[in-house]
Amino acid sequence: MLQWFCNRKDRTAPRAAAAGKQFERGLTLVELVITFTILAILSSVAARVAVIDLRREKEEILRRDLWEIRNAIDKYKDACDNGMIMNKVLSEGYPPDLETLVNGVDIRGSKTRFLRRIPADPMTGRKEWGLRSVQDDLDSDTFGGQNVFDVYSKSQGISLDGTKYSDW
């Protein structure tokens, strides 16, 4: 009897396995649609995060470059105020242009440079910066040309915090 029970089990097992394999041949259309939908949602979220990260990185570079240029202008002004640089009458101690900060000036017989190079504006991709003179109005977009008191980005874009890049 035990022999018959074991033989019976062996005979039905392959049939059940073969019957189950008929339904496991592939994915259904519904499963494929759901999978592709989930992948599309995840990839669109990842792309959005990548765009925001790239924009945030450019904003950090813009802040750093503006700080670097403004710091160089301040050092030039301090050197003029201390009498180390002969300044022009209407310049009020500020450099005439950004190239002067890069090319340097003679201070006590040696050439002193205040900037290594003029950085490119990361928002526009060009080495063109908006310049303000002491004589210019604060809201003016035109440069008077007497001296460089301040710099700003020429980009008309809006930052992640909602302010204009040109107002930084």
Protein backbone atom coordinates (compact mmCIF):
# COMPACT_ATOMS: atom_id res chain seq x y z
CA MET A 1 0.00 0.00 0.00
CA LEU A 2 2.79 2.36 0.83
CA GLN A 3 4.31 1.60 -2.51
CA TRP A 4 1.11 2.51 -4.31
CA PHE A 5 0.82 5.86 -2.44
CA CYS A 6 4.38 6.87 -3.33
CA ASN A 7 3.89 5.92 -6.94
CA ARG A 8 0.69 7.91 -7.13
CA LYS A 9 2.36 11.00 -5.73
CA ASP A 10 5.16 10.72 -8.24
CA ARG A 11 2.73 10.43 -11.12
CA THR A 12 0.67 13.53 -10.23
CA ALA A 13 3.55 15.81 -9.34
CA PRO A 14 4.91 16.17 -12.88
CA ARG A 15 1.42 16.85 -14.24
CA ALA A 16 0.79 19.63 -11.71
CA ALA A 17 4.16 21.20 -12.43
CA ALA A 18 3.54 21.04 -16.16
CA ALA A 19 0.09 22.58 -15.77
CA GLY A 20 1.51 25.48 -13.70
CA LYS A 21 4.21 26.22 -16.27
CA GLN A 22 1.62 26.99 -18.90
CA PHE A 23 0.59 30.12 -16.97
CA GLU A 24 4.15 31.32 -16.18
CA ARG A 25 5.38 31.93 -19.70
CA GLY A 26 5.68 35.75 -19.47
CA LEU A 27 4.38 39.00 -18.10
CA THR A 28 0.92 40.19 -18.86
CA LEU A 29 0.26 43.46 -20.64
CA VAL A 30 -1.09 45.03 -17.45
CA GLU A 31 2.11 44.19 -15.56
CA LEU A 32 4.22 45.74 -18.33
CA VAL A 33 2.14 48.93 -18.42
CA ILE A 34 2.34 49.32 -14.65
CA THR A 35 6.11 48.74 -14.69
CA PHE A 36 6.72 51.28 -17.46
CA THR A 37 4.48 53.83 -15.75
CA ILE A 38 6.43 53.52 -12.51
CA LEU A 39 9.73 53.83 -14.40
CA ALA A 40 8.48 56.93 -16.25
CA ILE A 41 7.42 58.61 -13.01
CA LEU A 42 10.71 57.85 -11.30
CA SER A 43 12.79 59.06 -14.25
CA SER A 44 10.84 62.33 -14.52
CA VAL A 45 11.34 62.99 -10.79
CA ALA A 46 15.06 62.24 -11.12
CA ALA A 47 15.38 64.58 -14.11
CA ARG A 48 13.65 67.40 -12.21
CA VAL A 49 15.98 66.94 -9.23
CA ALA A 50 19.01 66.98 -11.56
CA VAL A 51 17.88 70.26 -13.16
CA ILE A 52 17.36 71.90 -9.76
CA ASP A 53 20.77 70.68 -8.55
CA LEU A 54 22.47 72.11 -11.65
CA ARG A 55 20.72 75.45 -11.15
CA ARG A 56 21.66 75.54 -7.45
CA GLU A 57 25.30 74.85 -8.36
CA LYS A 58 25.32 77.74 -10.86
CA GLU A 59 23.82 80.02 -8.21
CA GLU A 60 26.59 79.09 -5.77
CA ILE A 61 29.22 79.85 -8.43
CA LEU A 62 27.54 83.21 -9.13
CA ARG A 63 27.58 84.13 -5.43
CA ARG A 64 31.24 83.16 -5.13
CA ASP A 65 32.27 85.08 -8.27
CA LEU A 66 30.38 88.21 -7.22
CA TRP A 67 32.01 88.03 -3.78
CA GLU A 68 35.46 87.58 -5.36
CA ILE A 69 35.10 90.57 -7.71
CA ARG A 70 33.59 92.81 -5.02
CA ASN A 71 36.35 91.83 -2.60
CA ALA A 72 38.98 92.79 -5.21
CA ILE A 73 37.25 96.15 -5.75
CA ASP A 74 37.27 96.76 -1.98
CA LYS A 75 40.99 95.89 -1.72
CA TYR A 76 41.76 98.30 -4.56
CA LYS A 77 39.72 101.02 -2.80
CA ASP A 78 41.56 100.38 0.49
CA ALA A 79 44.93 100.66 -1.27
CA CYS A 80 43.84 103.99 -2.81
CA ASP A 81 42.55 105.29 0.51
CA ASN A 82 45.88 104.37 2.18
CA GLY A 83 47.80 106.30 -0.50
CA MET A 84 49.47 103.27 -2.08
CA ILE A 85 47.82 103.88 -5.47
CA MET A 86 47.57 107.24 -7.18
CA ASN A 87 43.92 107.67 -8.01
CA LYS A 88 42.29 109.85 -10.63
CA VAL A 89 40.28 112.88 -9.64
CA LEU A 90 36.76 111.55 -10.34
CA SER A 91 37.43 107.90 -9.53
CA GLU A 92 36.92 108.29 -5.76
CA GLY A 93 39.47 105.51 -5.27
CA TYR A 94 37.69 102.80 -7.26
CA PRO A 95 39.25 101.00 -10.25
CA PRO A 96 38.46 102.36 -13.73
CA ASP A 97 37.54 98.88 -15.01
CA LEU A 98 37.79 95.18 -14.13
CA GLU A 99 40.85 94.70 -16.34
CA THR A 100 42.81 96.98 -14.00
CA LEU A 101 42.17 94.51 -11.19
CA VAL A 102 43.56 91.69 -13.35
CA ASN A 103 46.47 93.57 -14.91
CA GLY A 104 47.50 95.05 -11.57
CA VAL A 105 48.94 98.37 -10.49
CA ASP A 106 52.33 99.46 -9.16
CA ILE A 107 52.39 99.66 -5.38
CA ARG A 108 55.75 100.74 -3.96
CA GLY A 109 57.69 99.47 -6.95
CA SER A 110 55.99 96.09 -7.36
CA LYS A 111 52.98 95.13 -9.42
CA THR A 112 49.98 94.08 -7.32
CA ARG A 113 47.09 92.20 -8.86
CA PHE A 114 43.71 92.03 -7.18
CA LEU A 115 42.12 89.35 -9.42
CA ARG A 116 43.69 86.42 -11.23
CA ARG A 117 41.11 86.58 -13.99
CA ILE A 118 37.67 87.96 -14.65
CA PRO A 119 35.33 85.01 -14.07
CA ALA A 120 32.57 84.18 -16.51
CA ASP A 121 29.03 84.84 -15.37
CA PRO A 122 27.64 81.30 -14.87
CA MET A 123 24.11 82.40 -15.78
CA THR A 124 25.03 83.96 -19.14
CA GLY A 125 28.23 82.01 -19.86
CA ARG A 126 30.08 85.21 -20.85
CA LYS A 127 32.73 87.30 -19.11
CA GLU A 128 30.45 90.31 -19.28
CA TRP A 129 29.26 91.75 -16.00
CA GLY A 130 26.98 94.65 -15.30
CA LEU A 131 29.00 97.50 -13.81
CA ARG A 132 27.94 100.35 -11.55
CA SER A 133 29.82 103.55 -10.91
CA VAL A 134 29.58 105.70 -7.79
CA GLN A 135 27.99 108.41 -9.93
CA ASP A 136 25.32 106.03 -11.36
CA ASP A 137 21.81 105.71 -9.96
CA LEU A 138 21.22 102.54 -7.94
CA ASP A 139 18.51 101.32 -10.32
CA SER A 140 20.40 102.28 -13.48
CA ASP A 141 21.25 99.58 -16.04
CA THR A 142 23.80 101.78 -17.81
CA PHE A 143 27.39 102.24 -16.74
CA GLY A 144 28.70 105.79 -16.45
CA GLY A 145 32.27 104.68 -17.06
CA GLN A 146 34.04 106.74 -14.40
CA ASN A 147 34.91 103.86 -12.05
CA VAL A 148 33.72 100.42 -10.98
CA PHE A 149 31.91 100.59 -7.67
CA ASP A 150 29.86 97.38 -7.98
CA VAL A 151 29.19 94.44 -10.31
CA TYR A 152 26.06 92.42 -11.00
CA SER A 153 24.92 89.63 -13.31
CA LYS A 154 23.37 90.64 -16.63
CA SER A 155 21.08 87.61 -16.50
CA GLN A 156 17.36 88.39 -16.37
CA GLY A 157 16.59 85.01 -14.78
CA ILE A 158 14.92 84.36 -11.44
CA SER A 159 16.75 82.39 -8.75
CA LEU A 160 15.39 79.48 -6.73
CA ASP A 161 14.57 81.88 -3.87
CA GLY A 162 12.52 84.13 -6.20
CA THR A 163 14.93 87.07 -6.59
CA LYS A 164 16.45 88.30 -9.84
CA TYR A 165 20.09 87.38 -10.46
CA SER A 166 20.76 90.98 -11.46
CA ASP A 167 19.75 92.10 -7.93
CA TRP A 168 22.39 89.98 -6.19
